[in-house]
Protein backbone atom coordinates (compact mmCIF):
# COMPACT_ATOMS: atom_id res chain seq x y z
CA MET A 1 -138.55 83.92 -34.40
CA LEU A 2 -141.28 83.47 -36.51
CA ARG A 3 -144.44 84.84 -35.39
CA ASP A 4 -144.66 82.84 -31.94
CA CYS A 5 -142.48 80.44 -32.98
CA VAL A 6 -138.99 80.40 -30.89
CA VAL A 7 -136.52 78.74 -33.73
CA LEU A 8 -133.27 77.21 -32.56
CA ALA A 9 -131.02 76.02 -35.35
CA VAL A 10 -127.89 73.94 -34.73
CA GLU A 11 -124.89 74.38 -37.21
CA GLY A 12 -122.00 73.06 -38.51
CA THR A 13 -120.26 71.21 -41.28
CA HIS A 14 -121.21 67.43 -42.23
CA ALA A 15 -120.57 64.60 -39.92
CA SER A 16 -120.57 66.85 -36.73
CA GLY A 17 -123.80 65.26 -34.85
CA LYS A 18 -126.06 67.98 -35.76
CA THR A 19 -128.96 65.82 -36.92
CA THR A 20 -128.25 63.71 -33.92
CA LEU A 21 -128.23 66.62 -31.69
CA THR A 22 -131.75 68.08 -33.17
CA HIS A 23 -133.24 65.00 -32.32
CA ALA A 24 -132.28 65.06 -29.41
CA LEU A 25 -133.23 68.53 -28.22
CA ALA A 26 -136.38 67.82 -29.70
CA ALA A 27 -136.76 65.03 -27.54
CA TYR A 28 -135.28 67.21 -24.17
CA TYR A 29 -138.11 69.98 -24.90
CA ARG A 30 -141.11 67.31 -25.67
CA GLU A 31 -140.87 65.88 -22.29
CA ARG A 32 -140.95 69.17 -21.09
CA GLY A 33 -144.17 69.81 -22.29
CA ILE A 34 -143.21 72.47 -25.47
CA HIS A 35 -144.84 71.61 -28.44
CA VAL A 36 -141.49 71.52 -30.77
CA ALA A 37 -140.64 70.03 -34.02
CA THR A 38 -137.67 69.31 -36.09
CA VAL A 39 -137.01 70.90 -39.58
CA GLU A 40 -134.39 68.11 -41.65
CA GLU A 41 -131.75 68.61 -44.04
CA PRO A 42 -133.59 68.73 -47.14
CA ALA A 43 -130.81 67.28 -49.00
CA ARG A 44 -131.94 63.56 -47.92
CA HIS A 45 -135.71 64.14 -49.85
CA SER A 46 -134.37 66.37 -52.72
CA PRO A 47 -134.53 64.72 -56.22
CA PHE A 48 -132.04 66.99 -57.66
CA ILE A 49 -129.70 65.41 -55.25
CA GLU A 50 -131.33 61.86 -55.45
CA GLU A 51 -130.17 62.31 -59.45
CA ILE A 52 -126.52 63.44 -58.74
CA VAL A 53 -125.80 61.20 -55.99
CA VAL A 54 -127.86 57.78 -56.16
CA HIS A 55 -128.15 57.51 -59.97
CA GLY A 56 -125.02 59.34 -61.02
CA LYS A 57 -126.36 61.74 -63.41
CA GLY A 58 -124.27 65.11 -63.68
CA GLU A 59 -122.79 66.97 -61.01
CA PHE A 60 -124.20 69.52 -57.98
CA ASP A 61 -125.73 72.41 -60.44
CA LEU A 62 -127.33 76.23 -59.85
CA GLU A 63 -130.40 74.75 -59.78
CA THR A 64 -129.99 71.90 -57.21
CA GLU A 65 -128.62 74.63 -54.95
CA VAL A 66 -131.64 77.23 -55.36
CA ASP A 67 -133.65 74.28 -54.64
CA LEU A 68 -131.72 73.00 -51.50
CA PHE A 69 -132.07 76.82 -50.21
CA ALA A 70 -135.92 77.26 -51.01
CA ALA A 71 -136.67 73.94 -49.51
CA GLN A 72 -134.68 74.63 -46.20
CA LEU A 73 -136.37 77.60 -45.98
CA SER A 74 -139.72 76.51 -46.91
CA ALA A 75 -139.41 73.67 -44.31
CA GLN A 76 -138.77 75.90 -41.43
CA LEU A 77 -141.30 78.25 -42.08
CA ARG A 78 -144.24 75.57 -42.42
CA ALA A 79 -143.40 74.01 -39.41
CA ALA A 80 -143.01 77.16 -37.36
CA ARG A 81 -146.68 77.61 -38.70
CA GLN A 82 -147.63 74.66 -36.36
CA HIS A 83 -145.31 75.09 -33.54
CA THR A 84 -144.24 77.02 -30.46
CA MET A 85 -140.29 75.66 -31.17
CA ILE A 86 -138.79 74.34 -33.82
CA ILE A 87 -135.00 73.04 -34.02
CA ALA A 88 -133.99 73.30 -37.78
CA ASP A 89 -130.99 71.04 -38.81
CA LYS A 90 -128.63 74.18 -39.63
CA THR A 91 -129.41 77.58 -40.97
CA ILE A 92 -130.08 79.03 -44.63
CA ALA A 93 -126.51 80.38 -44.58
CA ASN A 94 -125.43 77.01 -44.53
CA VAL A 95 -126.82 75.77 -47.97
CA VAL A 96 -125.18 79.26 -49.43
CA ALA A 97 -121.99 78.01 -48.32
CA TYR A 98 -121.72 74.90 -49.52
CA ALA A 99 -123.28 75.88 -52.76
CA TRP A 100 -120.09 78.40 -52.80
CA LEU A 101 -117.73 75.10 -52.21
CA VAL A 102 -119.55 73.16 -54.87
CA LEU A 103 -120.12 75.31 -58.12
CA GLN A 104 -117.85 77.50 -60.30
CA THR A 105 -118.90 81.03 -59.89
CA PRO A 106 -116.48 83.35 -62.18
CA PRO A 107 -117.18 87.12 -61.87
CA GLY A 108 -120.24 88.28 -63.84
CA SER A 109 -121.92 85.00 -63.90
CA ARG A 110 -125.32 83.77 -63.34
CA GLU A 111 -123.85 81.50 -60.61
CA ALA A 112 -122.11 84.38 -58.70
CA ALA A 113 -125.05 87.16 -58.97
CA VAL A 114 -127.58 83.98 -57.68
CA LEU A 115 -125.28 83.39 -54.78
CA ASP A 116 -125.22 87.25 -54.14
CA ALA A 117 -128.58 87.37 -54.01
CA MET A 118 -129.13 84.30 -51.48
CA LYS A 119 -126.17 85.53 -49.04
CA ALA A 120 -127.84 89.21 -49.35
CA PHE A 121 -131.31 87.07 -48.37
CA CYS A 122 -129.37 85.36 -45.41
CA GLU A 123 -128.22 88.82 -44.07
CA ALA A 124 -131.73 89.94 -43.95
CA TRP A 125 -132.80 86.56 -42.38
CA ALA A 126 -130.48 86.34 -39.47
CA GLY A 127 -132.08 87.90 -36.80
CA THR A 128 -135.14 85.37 -37.53
CA TYR A 129 -132.97 82.24 -35.25
CA ASP A 130 -133.09 82.66 -31.78
CA ALA A 131 -130.00 80.88 -31.39
CA VAL A 132 -127.83 79.35 -33.51
CA PHE A 133 -125.35 76.47 -31.92
CA TYR A 134 -122.15 75.65 -33.71
CA CYS A 135 -120.98 71.61 -33.71
CA CYS A 136 -117.21 71.48 -33.29
CA ASP A 137 -116.51 67.99 -33.47
CA ARG A 138 -115.83 66.05 -36.68
CA PHE A 139 -116.84 62.33 -36.45
CA ASP A 140 -116.27 59.73 -38.69
CA GLN A 141 -117.71 60.75 -42.71
CA HIS A 142 -117.36 56.92 -43.57
CA GLN A 143 -121.25 55.81 -42.74
CA ALA A 144 -122.41 52.59 -45.21
CA GLY A 145 -125.12 53.10 -46.71
CA ASP A 146 -125.09 57.13 -46.99
CA PRO A 147 -124.25 57.99 -50.63
CA TYR A 148 -124.83 61.56 -49.91
CA ARG A 149 -122.01 61.81 -47.43
CA SER A 150 -119.39 60.27 -49.71
CA LYS A 151 -120.22 62.74 -52.42
CA VAL A 152 -118.52 65.42 -49.93
CA LEU A 153 -116.10 63.34 -48.06
CA ASP A 154 -113.30 65.32 -49.24
CA LEU A 155 -115.02 68.63 -48.07
CA GLN A 156 -115.25 68.96 -44.28
CA PRO A 157 -111.98 70.80 -43.55
CA ALA A 158 -112.79 73.34 -46.02
CA ALA A 159 -117.13 73.35 -45.59
CA ASP A 160 -116.22 73.90 -41.93
CA ARG A 161 -113.99 77.42 -42.70
CA VAL A 162 -116.99 78.26 -45.34
CA VAL A 163 -119.40 77.57 -42.85
CA ARG A 164 -117.94 79.66 -40.44
CA ALA A 165 -117.04 82.48 -42.81
CA THR A 166 -120.60 82.53 -44.14
CA CYS A 167 -122.52 82.51 -41.37
CA ALA A 168 -120.31 86.13 -40.14
CA THR A 169 -120.58 87.60 -43.36
CA VAL A 170 -124.06 87.39 -43.09
CA GLY A 171 -124.31 88.50 -39.57
CA GLN A 172 -125.44 84.95 -38.47
CA ARG A 173 -124.10 85.02 -34.67
CA VAL A 174 -123.14 81.39 -33.51
CA ILE A 175 -122.77 80.06 -30.59
CA ASP A 176 -120.01 77.07 -29.90
CA ILE A 177 -120.49 74.25 -28.52
CA PRO A 178 -117.82 72.50 -26.58
CA PRO A 179 -115.90 69.78 -28.30
CA ASN A 180 -115.68 66.49 -26.97
CA MET A 181 -119.03 66.04 -24.75
CA THR A 182 -121.53 63.34 -25.50
CA THR A 183 -125.12 63.92 -27.11
CA ALA A 184 -126.22 64.54 -23.35
CA GLU A 185 -124.22 66.67 -22.25
CA ARG A 186 -124.14 69.00 -25.13
CA VAL A 187 -128.28 68.80 -25.13
CA ARG A 188 -127.78 70.06 -20.96
CA TRP A 189 -125.53 72.63 -22.08
CA ILE A 190 -127.69 74.16 -24.89
CA ALA A 191 -130.53 74.00 -22.37
CA ALA A 192 -128.68 76.00 -20.39
CA ARG A 193 -127.95 78.59 -22.39
CA VAL A 194 -131.60 78.56 -24.16
CA ALA A 195 -132.77 79.26 -20.67
CA LYS A 196 -130.04 81.77 -19.93
CA LEU A 197 -131.22 83.65 -23.20
CA GLY A 198 -134.75 84.02 -21.57
CA ILE A 199 -135.73 82.30 -25.26
CA THR A 200 -137.98 80.04 -23.27
CA ARG A 201 -139.08 79.11 -19.83
CA ASP A 202 -137.49 75.92 -19.43
CA THR A 203 -135.19 75.33 -16.18
CA PRO A 204 -131.53 76.08 -16.80
CA ALA A 205 -129.78 72.96 -16.53
CA ALA A 206 -126.38 72.78 -14.64
CA SER A 207 -123.09 73.74 -16.80
C-alpha cells in the first residue's frame, strides 16, 4: 500500500490481456464508488522506445530500460497521491524481467550491475503491492498499427518464463487468473479475491 492507497497490479507477458483487464477492473471499481486510477505501461509513451521502435534508431539499451523502470515506479507513486486505489499495468519486476531478456549482461558488466540493483529494489518494494494478478492466457500478438509489439513478437514464451521467475526471485507473490475466461469473468473473479483478502470494502462477487 502507498500511503492510504490500495495498489493492485495485473501481471503477465505481452499480449496476455493485461491492459484490457486493467481498464475493465478500473471501470468495475469506479461503478462502486471507489476513486481509482489505472497506471499505464510506460513503454507506450517513452521517447526512448519511440526512437528505437518507430524511427528504427538503435536497439534496446541500458538507458532505455532504466528510463522504463523509473517511469513505471514514478507513475505508480504519482497516481497513488490522488486516488484511493490504483491498478497498475504490470509491476516494476516486469520491467526488470524484460531488461534481462533484451540486454547483454556479461558478469562484471555495467548492465549486470545496474539490473542487479534494480532487482534488489524490487525485493524491497514487493510488499507495496496489495495483490498482483497474473494473466495466464496468450492472445494473438499480430495487431495492426502496433510497432512496439512487433518488436518483441518472438519473446512471448521466454518473457512469460522470465517474468514469473523474476517475480519469484524478488518475492513478488502473484495470483494466477484461471485461463480461458472472458474479460468480464476475469473482473468478477479478481473482485471476489480482492474482497476476500479484505483489501477493499467491495462485496465479494460470485466465483
